[in-house]
Amino acid sequence: MQKTKFSPDDRMLRVPQVLKILGIGRSTWYAGIKKGEFPAPRKMGSRISLWPQSEILLIAENLMT
């Protein structure tokens, strides 16, 4: 997965929000991260994983085509 530049103003999403936008399950999401198909999270502490909304919307567009 290619990293995209994101703005500091970009909204950060947690796993439930990501899954809702993409319409996939948690295990599919994490398997995709492990395979390099989806971006790794930005860690905010030891228990919080976040993804920029712009990256998730780009993935959603690519999944639809």
PDB file of N, CA and C in Angstrom:
ATOM      1  N   MET A   1       0.847  -1.181   0.000  1.00  0.00           N
ATOM      2  CA  MET A   1       0.000   0.000   0.000  1.00  0.00           C
ATOM      3  C   MET A   1       0.881   1.230   0.000  1.00  0.00           C
ATOM      4  N   GLN A   2       0.613   2.112  -0.898  1.00  0.00           N
ATOM      5  CA  GLN A   2       1.382   3.341  -0.998  1.00  0.00           C
ATOM      6  C   GLN A   2       0.871   4.349   0.021  1.00  0.00           C
ATOM      7  N   LYS A   3       1.802   4.990   0.747  1.00  0.00           N
ATOM      8  CA  LYS A   3       1.411   6.001   1.711  1.00  0.00           C
ATOM      9  C   LYS A   3       1.028   7.269   0.982  1.00  0.00           C
ATOM     10  N   THR A   4      -0.031   7.904   1.457  1.00  0.00           N
ATOM     11  CA  THR A   4      -0.450   9.168   0.881  1.00  0.00           C
ATOM     12  C   THR A   4      -0.143  10.271   1.874  1.00  0.00           C
ATOM     13  N   LYS A   5       0.035  11.478   1.355  1.00  0.00           N
ATOM     14  CA  LYS A   5       0.224  12.618   2.239  1.00  0.00           C
ATOM     15  C   LYS A   5      -1.135  13.020   2.775  1.00  0.00           C
ATOM     16  N   PHE A   6      -1.158  13.380   4.028  1.00  0.00           N
ATOM     17  CA  PHE A   6      -2.424  13.846   4.576  1.00  0.00           C
ATOM     18  C   PHE A   6      -2.192  15.131   5.353  1.00  0.00           C
ATOM     19  N   SER A   7      -3.215  15.919   5.395  1.00  0.00           N
ATOM     20  CA  SER A   7      -3.162  17.214   6.056  1.00  0.00           C
ATOM     21  C   SER A   7      -3.366  17.030   7.552  1.00  0.00           C
ATOM     22  N   PRO A   8      -2.749  17.883   8.354  1.00  0.00           N
ATOM     23  CA  PRO A   8      -3.015  17.821   9.794  1.00  0.00           C
ATOM     24  C   PRO A   8      -4.491  18.078  10.106  1.00  0.00           C
ATOM     25  N   ASP A   9      -5.193  18.704   9.152  1.00  0.00           N
ATOM     26  CA  ASP A   9      -6.625  18.962   9.326  1.00  0.00           C
ATOM     27  C   ASP A   9      -7.478  17.755   8.951  1.00  0.00           C
ATOM     28  N   ASP A  10      -6.855  16.710   8.386  1.00  0.00           N
ATOM     29  CA  ASP A  10      -7.567  15.505   7.976  1.00  0.00           C
ATOM     30  C   ASP A  10      -8.147  14.819   9.209  1.00  0.00           C
ATOM     31  N   ARG A  11      -9.402  14.459   9.133  1.00  0.00           N
ATOM     32  CA  ARG A  11     -10.052  13.777  10.249  1.00  0.00           C
ATOM     33  C   ARG A  11      -9.448  12.385  10.411  1.00  0.00           C
ATOM     34  N   MET A  12      -9.210  11.979  11.649  1.00  0.00           N
ATOM     35  CA  MET A  12      -8.665  10.662  11.940  1.00  0.00           C
ATOM     36  C   MET A  12      -9.801   9.732  12.367  1.00  0.00           C
ATOM     37  N   LEU A  13      -9.791   8.524  11.809  1.00  0.00           N
ATOM     38  CA  LEU A  13     -10.856   7.553  12.046  1.00  0.00           C
ATOM     39  C   LEU A  13     -10.363   6.361  12.854  1.00  0.00           C
ATOM     40  N   ARG A  14     -11.242   5.835  13.696  1.00  0.00           N
ATOM     41  CA  ARG A  14     -10.944   4.618  14.441  1.00  0.00           C
ATOM     42  C   ARG A  14     -11.517   3.429  13.680  1.00  0.00           C
ATOM     43  N   VAL A  15     -11.167   2.222  14.122  1.00  0.00           N
ATOM     44  CA  VAL A  15     -11.530   1.003  13.407  1.00  0.00           C
ATOM     45  C   VAL A  15     -13.033   0.907  13.088  1.00  0.00           C
ATOM     46  N   PRO A  16     -13.944   1.119  14.039  1.00  0.00           N
ATOM     47  CA  PRO A  16     -15.363   0.976  13.691  1.00  0.00           C
ATOM     48  C   PRO A  16     -15.797   1.900  12.542  1.00  0.00           C
ATOM     49  N   GLN A  17     -15.260   3.113  12.525  1.00  0.00           N
ATOM     50  CA  GLN A  17     -15.601   4.056  11.458  1.00  0.00           C
ATOM     51  C   GLN A  17     -15.047   3.586  10.113  1.00  0.00           C
ATOM     52  N   VAL A  18     -13.821   3.080  10.126  1.00  0.00           N
ATOM     53  CA  VAL A  18     -13.191   2.570   8.907  1.00  0.00           C
ATOM     54  C   VAL A  18     -14.005   1.410   8.340  1.00  0.00           C
ATOM     55  N   LEU A  19     -14.374   0.475   9.199  1.00  0.00           N
ATOM     56  CA  LEU A  19     -15.122  -0.705   8.761  1.00  0.00           C
ATOM     57  C   LEU A  19     -16.482  -0.330   8.190  1.00  0.00           C
ATOM     58  N   LYS A  20     -17.127   0.655   8.786  1.00  0.00           N
ATOM     59  CA  LYS A  20     -18.433   1.099   8.302  1.00  0.00           C
ATOM     60  C   LYS A  20     -18.313   1.713   6.907  1.00  0.00           C
ATOM     61  N   ILE A  21     -17.298   2.539   6.692  1.00  0.00           N
ATOM     62  CA  ILE A  21     -17.101   3.179   5.387  1.00  0.00           C
ATOM     63  C   ILE A  21     -16.793   2.140   4.319  1.00  0.00           C
ATOM     64  N   LEU A  22     -15.927   1.191   4.638  1.00  0.00           N
ATOM     65  CA  LEU A  22     -15.482   0.213   3.646  1.00  0.00           C
ATOM     66  C   LEU A  22     -16.437  -0.970   3.496  1.00  0.00           C
ATOM     67  N   GLY A  23     -17.264  -1.216   4.492  1.00  0.00           N
ATOM     68  CA  GLY A  23     -18.194  -2.329   4.417  1.00  0.00           C
ATOM     69  C   GLY A  23     -17.513  -3.688   4.491  1.00  0.00           C
ATOM     70  N   ILE A  24     -16.442  -3.760   5.281  1.00  0.00           N
ATOM     71  CA  ILE A  24     -15.732  -5.027   5.471  1.00  0.00           C
ATOM     72  C   ILE A  24     -15.654  -5.348   6.954  1.00  0.00           C
ATOM     73  N   GLY A  25     -15.268  -6.556   7.276  1.00  0.00           N
ATOM     74  CA  GLY A  25     -15.154  -6.985   8.664  1.00  0.00           C
ATOM     75  C   GLY A  25     -13.777  -6.679   9.254  1.00  0.00           C
ATOM     76  N   ARG A  26     -13.728  -6.740  10.566  1.00  0.00           N
ATOM     77  CA  ARG A  26     -12.489  -6.450  11.298  1.00  0.00           C
ATOM     78  C   ARG A  26     -11.348  -7.386  10.897  1.00  0.00           C
ATOM     79  N   SER A  27     -11.643  -8.684  10.782  1.00  0.00           N
ATOM     80  CA  SER A  27     -10.575  -9.632  10.443  1.00  0.00           C
ATOM     81  C   SER A  27     -10.064  -9.398   9.020  1.00  0.00           C
ATOM     82  N   THR A  28     -10.961  -9.045   8.098  1.00  0.00           N
ATOM     83  CA  THR A  28     -10.554  -8.734   6.722  1.00  0.00           C
ATOM     84  C   THR A  28      -9.667  -7.496   6.706  1.00  0.00           C
ATOM     85  N   TRP A  29     -10.035  -6.496   7.495  1.00  0.00           N
ATOM     86  CA  TRP A  29      -9.258  -5.255   7.574  1.00  0.00           C
ATOM     87  C   TRP A  29      -7.836  -5.535   8.076  1.00  0.00           C
ATOM     88  N   TYR A  30      -7.723  -6.236   9.189  1.00  0.00           N
ATOM     89  CA  TYR A  30      -6.397  -6.493   9.751  1.00  0.00           C
ATOM     90  C   TYR A  30      -5.577  -7.457   8.896  1.00  0.00           C
ATOM     91  N   ALA A  31      -6.228  -8.398   8.227  1.00  0.00           N
ATOM     92  CA  ALA A  31      -5.505  -9.282   7.301  1.00  0.00           C
ATOM     93  C   ALA A  31      -4.950  -8.464   6.135  1.00  0.00           C
ATOM     94  N   GLY A  32      -5.726  -7.499   5.651  1.00  0.00           N
ATOM     95  CA  GLY A  32      -5.274  -6.618   4.578  1.00  0.00           C
ATOM     96  C   GLY A  32      -4.097  -5.754   4.995  1.00  0.00           C
ATOM     97  N   ILE A  33      -4.085  -5.311   6.231  1.00  0.00           N
ATOM     98  CA  ILE A  33      -2.952  -4.529   6.746  1.00  0.00           C
ATOM     99  C   ILE A  33      -1.705  -5.410   6.774  1.00  0.00           C
ATOM    100  N   LYS A  34      -1.873  -6.632   7.261  1.00  0.00           N
ATOM    101  CA  LYS A  34      -0.738  -7.558   7.356  1.00  0.00           C
ATOM    102  C   LYS A  34      -0.158  -7.878   5.983  1.00  0.00           C
ATOM    103  N   LYS A  35      -1.031  -8.004   4.963  1.00  0.00           N
ATOM    104  CA  LYS A  35      -0.590  -8.293   3.590  1.00  0.00           C
ATOM    105  C   LYS A  35      -0.064  -7.056   2.862  1.00  0.00           C
ATOM    106  N   GLY A  36      -0.262  -5.872   3.443  1.00  0.00           N
ATOM    107  CA  GLY A  36       0.175  -4.643   2.793  1.00  0.00           C
ATOM    108  C   GLY A  36      -0.853  -4.074   1.824  1.00  0.00           C
ATOM    109  N   GLU A  37      -2.069  -4.617   1.845  1.00  0.00           N
ATOM    110  CA  GLU A  37      -3.137  -4.129   0.967  1.00  0.00           C
ATOM    111  C   GLU A  37      -3.787  -2.861   1.516  1.00  0.00           C
ATOM    112  N   PHE A  38      -3.773  -2.688   2.826  1.00  0.00           N
ATOM    113  CA  PHE A  38      -4.347  -1.521   3.490  1.00  0.00           C
ATOM    114  C   PHE A  38      -3.252  -0.852   4.318  1.00  0.00           C
ATOM    115  N   PRO A  39      -3.397   0.447   4.586  1.00  0.00           N
ATOM    116  CA  PRO A  39      -2.345   1.170   5.321  1.00  0.00           C
ATOM    117  C   PRO A  39      -2.271   0.782   6.796  1.00  0.00           C
ATOM    118  N   ALA A  40      -1.069   0.828   7.320  1.00  0.00           N
ATOM    119  CA  ALA A  40      -0.867   0.600   8.747  1.00  0.00           C
ATOM    120  C   ALA A  40      -1.441   1.794   9.515  1.00  0.00           C
ATOM    121  N   PRO A  41      -1.844   1.562  10.744  1.00  0.00           N
ATOM    122  CA  PRO A  41      -2.428   2.658  11.522  1.00  0.00           C
ATOM    123  C   PRO A  41      -1.381   3.648  12.014  1.00  0.00           C
ATOM    124  N   ARG A  42      -1.851   4.825  12.341  1.00  0.00           N
ATOM    125  CA  ARG A  42      -1.043   5.787  13.099  1.00  0.00           C
ATOM    126  C   ARG A  42      -1.394   5.492  14.549  1.00  0.00           C
ATOM    127  N   LYS A  43      -0.406   5.195  15.355  1.00  0.00           N
ATOM    128  CA  LYS A  43      -0.649   4.849  16.751  1.00  0.00           C
ATOM    129  C   LYS A  43      -0.647   6.116  17.604  1.00  0.00           C
ATOM    130  N   MET A  44      -1.690   6.253  18.382  1.00  0.00           N
ATOM    131  CA  MET A  44      -1.802   7.356  19.337  1.00  0.00           C
ATOM    132  C   MET A  44      -1.857   6.728  20.725  1.00  0.00           C
ATOM    133  N   GLY A  45      -0.709   6.345  21.208  1.00  0.00           N
ATOM    134  CA  GLY A  45      -0.648   5.616  22.470  1.00  0.00           C
ATOM    135  C   GLY A  45      -0.612   4.123  22.178  1.00  0.00           C
ATOM    136  N   SER A  46      -0.597   3.344  23.215  1.00  0.00           N
ATOM    137  CA  SER A  46      -0.455   1.898  23.036  1.00  0.00           C
ATOM    138  C   SER A  46      -1.738   1.203  22.606  1.00  0.00           C
ATOM    139  N   ARG A  47      -2.902   1.862  22.801  1.00  0.00           N
ATOM    140  CA  ARG A  47      -4.165   1.172  22.523  1.00  0.00           C
ATOM    141  C   ARG A  47      -5.055   1.886  21.516  1.00  0.00           C
ATOM    142  N   ILE A  48      -4.573   2.946  20.895  1.00  0.00           N
ATOM    143  CA  ILE A  48      -5.401   3.691  19.955  1.00  0.00           C
ATOM    144  C   ILE A  48      -4.760   3.685  18.578  1.00  0.00           C
ATOM    145  N   SER A  49      -5.490   3.150  17.607  1.00  0.00           N
ATOM    146  CA  SER A  49      -5.041   3.116  16.214  1.00  0.00           C
ATOM    147  C   SER A  49      -5.972   4.000  15.396  1.00  0.00           C
ATOM    148  N   LEU A  50      -5.373   4.863  14.575  1.00  0.00           N
ATOM    149  CA  LEU A  50      -6.140   5.805  13.771  1.00  0.00           C
ATOM    150  C   LEU A  50      -5.664   5.797  12.325  1.00  0.00           C
ATOM    151  N   TRP A  51      -6.590   6.121  11.411  1.00  0.00           N
ATOM    152  CA  TRP A  51      -6.271   6.235   9.992  1.00  0.00           C
ATOM    153  C   TRP A  51      -6.832   7.553   9.479  1.00  0.00           C
ATOM    154  N   PRO A  52      -6.086   8.263   8.610  1.00  0.00           N
ATOM    155  CA  PRO A  52      -6.614   9.498   8.024  1.00  0.00           C
ATOM    156  C   PRO A  52      -7.830   9.200   7.140  1.00  0.00           C
ATOM    157  N   GLN A  53      -8.857   9.997   7.282  1.00  0.00           N
ATOM    158  CA  GLN A  53     -10.078   9.799   6.512  1.00  0.00           C
ATOM    159  C   GLN A  53      -9.800   9.830   5.013  1.00  0.00           C
ATOM    160  N   SER A  54      -8.884  10.681   4.576  1.00  0.00           N
ATOM    161  CA  SER A  54      -8.582  10.774   3.142  1.00  0.00           C
ATOM    162  C   SER A  54      -8.059   9.441   2.595  1.00  0.00           C
ATOM    163  N   GLU A  55      -7.241   8.725   3.368  1.00  0.00           N
ATOM    164  CA  GLU A  55      -6.735   7.422   2.929  1.00  0.00           C
ATOM    165  C   GLU A  55      -7.859   6.400   2.830  1.00  0.00           C
ATOM    166  N   ILE A  56      -8.756   6.419   3.793  1.00  0.00           N
ATOM    167  CA  ILE A  56      -9.856   5.455   3.811  1.00  0.00           C
ATOM    168  C   ILE A  56     -10.815   5.716   2.657  1.00  0.00           C
ATOM    169  N   LEU A  57     -11.092   6.977   2.369  1.00  0.00           N
ATOM    170  CA  LEU A  57     -11.979   7.300   1.255  1.00  0.00           C
ATOM    171  C   LEU A  57     -11.356   6.907  -0.079  1.00  0.00           C
ATOM    172  N   LEU A  58     -10.043   7.036  -0.185  1.00  0.00           N
ATOM    173  CA  LEU A  58      -9.346   6.607  -1.402  1.00  0.00           C
ATOM    174  C   LEU A  58      -9.450   5.089  -1.567  1.00  0.00           C
ATOM    175  N   ILE A  59      -9.292   4.351  -0.488  1.00  0.00           N
ATOM    176  CA  ILE A  59      -9.440   2.894  -0.528  1.00  0.00           C
ATOM    177  C   ILE A  59     -10.867   2.528  -0.940  1.00  0.00           C
ATOM    178  N   ALA A  60     -11.850   3.227  -0.383  1.00  0.00           N
ATOM    179  CA  ALA A  60     -13.257   2.950  -0.699  1.00  0.00           C
ATOM    180  C   ALA A  60     -13.511   3.164  -2.196  1.00  0.00           C
ATOM    181  N   GLU A  61     -12.942   4.215  -2.771  1.00  0.00           N
ATOM    182  CA  GLU A  61     -13.082   4.466  -4.197  1.00  0.00           C
ATOM    183  C   GLU A  61     -12.476   3.337  -5.015  1.00  0.00           C
ATOM    184  N   ASN A  62     -11.289   2.890  -4.606  1.00  0.00           N
ATOM    185  CA  ASN A  62     -10.602   1.814  -5.335  1.00  0.00           C
ATOM    186  C   ASN A  62     -11.333   0.485  -5.220  1.00  0.00           C
ATOM    187  N   LEU A  63     -11.991   0.225  -4.101  1.00  0.00           N
ATOM    188  CA  LEU A  63     -12.739  -1.015  -3.923  1.00  0.00           C
ATOM    189  C   LEU A  63     -13.977  -1.054  -4.810  1.00  0.00           C
ATOM    190  N   MET A  64     -14.512   0.120  -5.127  1.00  0.00           N
ATOM    191  CA  MET A  64     -15.720   0.189  -5.941  1.00  0.00           C
ATOM    192  C   MET A  64     -15.431   0.025  -7.432  1.00  0.00           C
ATOM    193  N   THR A  65     -14.184   0.220  -7.836  1.00  0.00           N
ATOM    194  CA  THR A  65     -13.857   0.114  -9.268  1.00  0.00           C
ATOM    195  C   THR A  65     -13.282  -1.225  -9.611  1.00  0.00           C
TER     196      THR A  65
END
